[in-house]
Amino acid sequence: MKKIEAIIKPFKLDEVKEALQEVGVQGLSVVEVKGFGRQKGHTELYRGAEYVVDFLPKVKIEVVLPDDQLERAIAAIADAARTEKIGDGKIFVSTVEQAIRIRTGEFGDDAI
């Protein structure tokens, strides 16, 4: 099993969710996060005063899936989240040792 963590622009969430559903991903978690990468933030004007916005709003999507769905899910996220502008985000993949469905006690792929 693999875990995908994708940091994307918030307005791309619905497109990414739909793309994942189309490739058979059944569940995901979403968290609103703030951060920066190469984009580094920007300055804004508020009531005549300039200030720096260091942390930009992003959305983190987490998906745990069987190994055979990994490549399709990565492609779906990348295609749906891409704007070709700085700050499109990142995708991280890690291995999941075990998954257990609490309600039924199922393990592994059956639990996801």
C-alpha atoms as a PDB file:
ATOM      1  CA  MET A   1       0.000   0.000   0.000  1.00  0.00           C
ATOM      2  CA  LYS A   2       1.088   3.558  -0.645  1.00  0.00           C
ATOM      3  CA  LYS A   3       0.157   6.921   0.811  1.00  0.00           C
ATOM      4  CA  ILE A   4       0.000   9.951  -1.454  1.00  0.00           C
ATOM      5  CA  GLU A   5       0.225  13.390   0.108  1.00  0.00           C
ATOM      6  CA  ALA A   6      -0.425  16.165  -2.379  1.00  0.00           C
ATOM      7  CA  ILE A   7      -0.143  19.879  -1.600  1.00  0.00           C
ATOM      8  CA  ILE A   8      -2.187  21.841  -4.140  1.00  0.00           C
ATOM      9  CA  LYS A   9      -3.804  25.226  -4.718  1.00  0.00           C
ATOM     10  CA  PRO A  10      -7.177  25.371  -2.938  1.00  0.00           C
ATOM     11  CA  PHE A  11      -9.211  26.218  -6.037  1.00  0.00           C
ATOM     12  CA  LYS A  12      -8.011  22.978  -7.686  1.00  0.00           C
ATOM     13  CA  LEU A  13      -9.483  20.699  -4.983  1.00  0.00           C
ATOM     14  CA  ASP A  14     -12.745  19.840  -6.763  1.00  0.00           C
ATOM     15  CA  GLU A  15     -10.955  19.021 -10.021  1.00  0.00           C
ATOM     16  CA  VAL A  16      -8.443  16.787  -8.227  1.00  0.00           C
ATOM     17  CA  LYS A  17     -11.192  15.017  -6.255  1.00  0.00           C
ATOM     18  CA  GLU A  18     -13.154  14.299  -9.443  1.00  0.00           C
ATOM     19  CA  ALA A  19     -10.023  13.093 -11.256  1.00  0.00           C
ATOM     20  CA  LEU A  20      -9.222  10.687  -8.409  1.00  0.00           C
ATOM     21  CA  GLN A  21     -12.769   9.333  -8.391  1.00  0.00           C
ATOM     22  CA  GLU A  22     -12.536   8.720 -12.151  1.00  0.00           C
ATOM     23  CA  VAL A  23      -9.467   6.485 -11.672  1.00  0.00           C
ATOM     24  CA  GLY A  24     -11.137   4.492  -8.892  1.00  0.00           C
ATOM     25  CA  VAL A  25      -9.865   6.115  -5.699  1.00  0.00           C
ATOM     26  CA  GLN A  26     -12.580   5.580  -3.096  1.00  0.00           C
ATOM     27  CA  GLY A  27     -11.587   7.821  -0.205  1.00  0.00           C
ATOM     28  CA  LEU A  28      -9.383  10.740   0.669  1.00  0.00           C
ATOM     29  CA  SER A  29      -8.727  13.213   3.452  1.00  0.00           C
ATOM     30  CA  VAL A  30      -8.346  16.954   2.976  1.00  0.00           C
ATOM     31  CA  VAL A  31      -6.664  19.435   5.298  1.00  0.00           C
ATOM     32  CA  GLU A  32      -6.292  23.173   4.850  1.00  0.00           C
ATOM     33  CA  VAL A  33      -2.631  24.056   5.330  1.00  0.00           C
ATOM     34  CA  LYS A  34      -0.340  27.056   4.942  1.00  0.00           C
ATOM     35  CA  GLY A  35       3.196  27.007   3.678  1.00  0.00           C
ATOM     36  CA  PHE A  36       5.684  28.102   1.081  1.00  0.00           C
ATOM     37  CA  GLY A  37       8.234  26.639  -1.271  1.00  0.00           C
ATOM     38  CA  ARG A  38       9.988  28.426  -4.080  1.00  0.00           C
ATOM     39  CA  GLN A  39       6.991  30.748  -4.284  1.00  0.00           C
ATOM     40  CA  LYS A  40       8.148  32.312  -0.978  1.00  0.00           C
ATOM     41  CA  GLY A  41       4.988  34.346  -0.327  1.00  0.00           C
ATOM     42  CA  HIS A  42       4.250  37.873  -1.459  1.00  0.00           C
ATOM     43  CA  THR A  43       3.491  41.394  -0.228  1.00  0.00           C
ATOM     44  CA  GLU A  44      -0.013  42.790   0.049  1.00  0.00           C
ATOM     45  CA  LEU A  45      -1.505  46.183   0.795  1.00  0.00           C
ATOM     46  CA  TYR A  46      -4.038  46.453   3.615  1.00  0.00           C
ATOM     47  CA  ARG A  47      -5.489  49.813   4.670  1.00  0.00           C
ATOM     48  CA  GLY A  48      -2.536  51.600   3.183  1.00  0.00           C
ATOM     49  CA  ALA A  49       0.080  49.460   4.930  1.00  0.00           C
ATOM     50  CA  GLU A  50       2.231  46.954   3.092  1.00  0.00           C
ATOM     51  CA  TYR A  51       2.855  43.592   4.730  1.00  0.00           C
ATOM     52  CA  VAL A  52       4.443  40.285   3.787  1.00  0.00           C
ATOM     53  CA  VAL A  53       2.363  37.125   3.493  1.00  0.00           C
ATOM     54  CA  ASP A  54       4.925  34.412   4.318  1.00  0.00           C
ATOM     55  CA  PHE A  55       2.626  31.404   4.376  1.00  0.00           C
ATOM     56  CA  LEU A  56       0.282  30.850   1.471  1.00  0.00           C
ATOM     57  CA  PRO A  57      -3.000  28.928   1.782  1.00  0.00           C
ATOM     58  CA  LYS A  58      -2.834  25.438   0.303  1.00  0.00           C
ATOM     59  CA  VAL A  59      -4.787  22.189   0.565  1.00  0.00           C
ATOM     60  CA  LYS A  60      -3.219  18.855   1.503  1.00  0.00           C
ATOM     61  CA  ILE A  61      -4.885  15.732   0.132  1.00  0.00           C
ATOM     62  CA  GLU A  62      -4.027  12.366   1.668  1.00  0.00           C
ATOM     63  CA  VAL A  63      -4.896   9.089  -0.058  1.00  0.00           C
ATOM     64  CA  VAL A  64      -3.963   5.534   0.924  1.00  0.00           C
ATOM     65  CA  LEU A  65      -4.349   3.049  -1.902  1.00  0.00           C
ATOM     66  CA  PRO A  66      -3.195  -0.318  -3.237  1.00  0.00           C
ATOM     67  CA  ASP A  67       0.094  -0.317  -5.147  1.00  0.00           C
ATOM     68  CA  ASP A  68      -1.626  -1.029  -8.463  1.00  0.00           C
ATOM     69  CA  GLN A  69      -3.567   2.280  -8.324  1.00  0.00           C
ATOM     70  CA  LEU A  70      -0.536   4.447  -7.552  1.00  0.00           C
ATOM     71  CA  GLU A  71       0.563   5.576 -11.021  1.00  0.00           C
ATOM     72  CA  ARG A  72      -2.983   6.379 -12.186  1.00  0.00           C
ATOM     73  CA  ALA A  73      -3.650   8.386  -9.011  1.00  0.00           C
ATOM     74  CA  ILE A  74      -0.413  10.373  -9.327  1.00  0.00           C
ATOM     75  CA  ALA A  75      -1.176  11.185 -12.966  1.00  0.00           C
ATOM     76  CA  ALA A  76      -4.744  12.212 -12.074  1.00  0.00           C
ATOM     77  CA  ILE A  77      -3.560  14.574  -9.328  1.00  0.00           C
ATOM     78  CA  ALA A  78      -0.776  16.095 -11.413  1.00  0.00           C
ATOM     79  CA  ASP A  79      -2.992  16.668 -14.452  1.00  0.00           C
ATOM     80  CA  ALA A  80      -5.918  18.107 -12.478  1.00  0.00           C
ATOM     81  CA  ALA A  81      -3.804  20.358 -10.214  1.00  0.00           C
ATOM     82  CA  ARG A  82      -1.503  21.770 -12.908  1.00  0.00           C
ATOM     83  CA  THR A  83      -1.835  25.462 -13.815  1.00  0.00           C
ATOM     84  CA  GLU A  84       1.751  25.730 -15.117  1.00  0.00           C
ATOM     85  CA  LYS A  85       2.367  28.607 -12.714  1.00  0.00           C
ATOM     86  CA  ILE A  86       4.584  28.741  -9.659  1.00  0.00           C
ATOM     87  CA  GLY A  87       2.963  27.275  -6.560  1.00  0.00           C
ATOM     88  CA  ASP A  88       1.119  24.382  -8.243  1.00  0.00           C
ATOM     89  CA  GLY A  89       2.292  22.142  -5.405  1.00  0.00           C
ATOM     90  CA  LYS A  90       4.019  18.844  -4.710  1.00  0.00           C
ATOM     91  CA  ILE A  91       3.151  15.157  -4.539  1.00  0.00           C
ATOM     92  CA  PHE A  92       4.835  12.892  -1.979  1.00  0.00           C
ATOM     93  CA  VAL A  93       4.556   9.093  -1.945  1.00  0.00           C
ATOM     94  CA  SER A  94       5.369   6.853   1.003  1.00  0.00           C
ATOM     95  CA  THR A  95       4.874   3.216   1.905  1.00  0.00           C
ATOM     96  CA  VAL A  96       2.129   2.237   4.348  1.00  0.00           C
ATOM     97  CA  GLU A  97       2.953  -0.766   6.507  1.00  0.00           C
ATOM     98  CA  GLN A  98      -0.589  -1.639   7.534  1.00  0.00           C
ATOM     99  CA  ALA A  99      -4.183  -0.416   7.391  1.00  0.00           C
ATOM    100  CA  ILE A 100      -7.009  -1.610   9.621  1.00  0.00           C
ATOM    101  CA  ARG A 101     -10.701  -0.810   9.204  1.00  0.00           C
ATOM    102  CA  ILE A 102     -11.858  -0.232  12.774  1.00  0.00           C
ATOM    103  CA  ARG A 103     -15.517  -1.186  12.162  1.00  0.00           C
ATOM    104  CA  THR A 104     -14.842  -4.642  10.668  1.00  0.00           C
ATOM    105  CA  GLY A 105     -11.278  -5.433  11.690  1.00  0.00           C
ATOM    106  CA  GLU A 106     -10.237  -5.911   8.026  1.00  0.00           C
ATOM    107  CA  PHE A 107      -6.510  -5.575   7.271  1.00  0.00           C
ATOM    108  CA  GLY A 108      -4.379  -4.402   4.359  1.00  0.00           C
ATOM    109  CA  ASP A 109      -5.938  -3.669   0.973  1.00  0.00           C
ATOM    110  CA  ASP A 110      -9.321  -4.906   2.257  1.00  0.00           C
ATOM    111  CA  ALA A 111      -9.288  -2.114   4.846  1.00  0.00           C
ATOM    112  CA  ILE A 112      -8.895   0.642   2.281  1.00  0.00           C
END
